[in-house]
Amino acid sequence: MSQQAFERFRELVLDDDALQAQLRPARNISELVPLVLMLARERGIPIDAEDVEIAWQAAQRAWIVRWI
């Protein structure tokens, strides 16, 4: 799909404590992806697993770079 759609979902998550609470139990990417896809779909946001994985990888790189 698109990173724009993923960004729209991310903004929703940042503004919604209840949505954050639903995502918090995910312990790894394999638990997070289906949860994100379900929650995005419920809100009419068309994202796919690749969008989530790209965002996950970017966040990991940013975190690592912070500590270098």
C-alpha atoms as a PDB file:
ATOM      1  CA  MET A   1       0.000   0.000   0.000  1.00  0.00           C
ATOM      2  CA  SER A   2       1.640   3.241   1.019  1.00  0.00           C
ATOM      3  CA  GLN A   3       3.736   4.807   3.663  1.00  0.00           C
ATOM      4  CA  GLN A   4       1.277   7.730   3.637  1.00  0.00           C
ATOM      5  CA  ALA A   5      -1.490   5.438   4.843  1.00  0.00           C
ATOM      6  CA  PHE A   6       0.815   4.006   7.501  1.00  0.00           C
ATOM      7  CA  GLU A   7       1.686   7.530   8.632  1.00  0.00           C
ATOM      8  CA  ARG A   8      -2.028   8.292   8.951  1.00  0.00           C
ATOM      9  CA  PHE A   9      -2.432   5.248  11.190  1.00  0.00           C
ATOM     10  CA  ARG A  10       0.646   6.182  13.223  1.00  0.00           C
ATOM     11  CA  GLU A  11      -0.808   9.647  13.858  1.00  0.00           C
ATOM     12  CA  LEU A  12      -4.066   8.066  15.038  1.00  0.00           C
ATOM     13  CA  VAL A  13      -2.105   5.858  17.436  1.00  0.00           C
ATOM     14  CA  LEU A  14      -0.130   8.791  18.824  1.00  0.00           C
ATOM     15  CA  ASP A  15      -3.366  10.674  19.538  1.00  0.00           C
ATOM     16  CA  ASP A  16      -5.307   7.749  21.069  1.00  0.00           C
ATOM     17  CA  ASP A  17      -4.296   6.245  24.423  1.00  0.00           C
ATOM     18  CA  ALA A  18      -6.772   3.362  24.028  1.00  0.00           C
ATOM     19  CA  LEU A  19      -5.295   2.435  20.666  1.00  0.00           C
ATOM     20  CA  GLN A  20      -1.800   2.546  22.161  1.00  0.00           C
ATOM     21  CA  ALA A  21      -2.972   0.218  24.923  1.00  0.00           C
ATOM     22  CA  GLN A  22      -4.221  -2.264  22.314  1.00  0.00           C
ATOM     23  CA  LEU A  23      -0.809  -2.314  20.630  1.00  0.00           C
ATOM     24  CA  ARG A  24       1.283  -2.443  23.788  1.00  0.00           C
ATOM     25  CA  PRO A  25       0.981  -6.234  24.410  1.00  0.00           C
ATOM     26  CA  ALA A  26       2.795  -7.027  21.123  1.00  0.00           C
ATOM     27  CA  ARG A  27       6.217  -8.342  22.136  1.00  0.00           C
ATOM     28  CA  ASN A  28       7.793  -8.590  18.695  1.00  0.00           C
ATOM     29  CA  ILE A  29       7.240  -7.799  15.041  1.00  0.00           C
ATOM     30  CA  SER A  30       5.425 -11.070  14.341  1.00  0.00           C
ATOM     31  CA  GLU A  31       2.824 -10.193  16.993  1.00  0.00           C
ATOM     32  CA  LEU A  32       2.709  -6.520  16.050  1.00  0.00           C
ATOM     33  CA  VAL A  33       2.067  -6.844  12.312  1.00  0.00           C
ATOM     34  CA  PRO A  34      -1.280  -8.692  12.437  1.00  0.00           C
ATOM     35  CA  LEU A  35      -2.460  -6.462  15.268  1.00  0.00           C
ATOM     36  CA  VAL A  36      -1.601  -3.275  13.369  1.00  0.00           C
ATOM     37  CA  LEU A  37      -3.234  -4.610  10.203  1.00  0.00           C
ATOM     38  CA  MET A  38      -6.436  -5.469  12.060  1.00  0.00           C
ATOM     39  CA  LEU A  39      -6.630  -2.117  13.865  1.00  0.00           C
ATOM     40  CA  ALA A  40      -5.855  -0.140  10.706  1.00  0.00           C
ATOM     41  CA  ARG A  41      -8.440  -2.110   8.717  1.00  0.00           C
ATOM     42  CA  GLU A  42     -11.063  -1.393  11.407  1.00  0.00           C
ATOM     43  CA  ARG A  43     -10.386   2.302  10.829  1.00  0.00           C
ATOM     44  CA  GLY A  44     -10.501   2.081   7.033  1.00  0.00           C
ATOM     45  CA  ILE A  45      -6.764   2.617   6.585  1.00  0.00           C
ATOM     46  CA  PRO A  46      -5.338   0.428   3.815  1.00  0.00           C
ATOM     47  CA  ILE A  47      -1.901  -0.723   4.929  1.00  0.00           C
ATOM     48  CA  ASP A  48      -0.147  -4.037   4.478  1.00  0.00           C
ATOM     49  CA  ALA A  49       2.493  -6.040   6.317  1.00  0.00           C
ATOM     50  CA  GLU A  50       5.304  -4.510   4.258  1.00  0.00           C
ATOM     51  CA  ASP A  51       4.317  -0.999   5.431  1.00  0.00           C
ATOM     52  CA  VAL A  52       4.533  -2.111   9.053  1.00  0.00           C
ATOM     53  CA  GLU A  53       7.847  -3.886   8.547  1.00  0.00           C
ATOM     54  CA  ILE A  54       9.372  -0.869   6.766  1.00  0.00           C
ATOM     55  CA  ALA A  55       8.308   1.404   9.627  1.00  0.00           C
ATOM     56  CA  TRP A  56       9.647  -1.101  12.198  1.00  0.00           C
ATOM     57  CA  GLN A  57      13.032  -1.255  10.439  1.00  0.00           C
ATOM     58  CA  ALA A  58      13.236   2.532  10.178  1.00  0.00           C
ATOM     59  CA  ALA A  59      12.477   2.888  13.894  1.00  0.00           C
ATOM     60  CA  GLN A  60      15.151   0.322  14.745  1.00  0.00           C
ATOM     61  CA  ARG A  61      17.734   2.135  12.614  1.00  0.00           C
ATOM     62  CA  ALA A  62      16.856   5.477  14.217  1.00  0.00           C
ATOM     63  CA  TRP A  63      17.188   3.979  17.696  1.00  0.00           C
ATOM     64  CA  ILE A  64      20.578   2.412  16.887  1.00  0.00           C
ATOM     65  CA  VAL A  65      21.892   5.626  15.327  1.00  0.00           C
ATOM     66  CA  ARG A  66      20.956   7.511  18.490  1.00  0.00           C
ATOM     67  CA  TRP A  67      23.405   5.411  20.457  1.00  0.00           C
ATOM     68  CA  ILE A  68      26.325   5.460  18.007  1.00  0.00           C
END
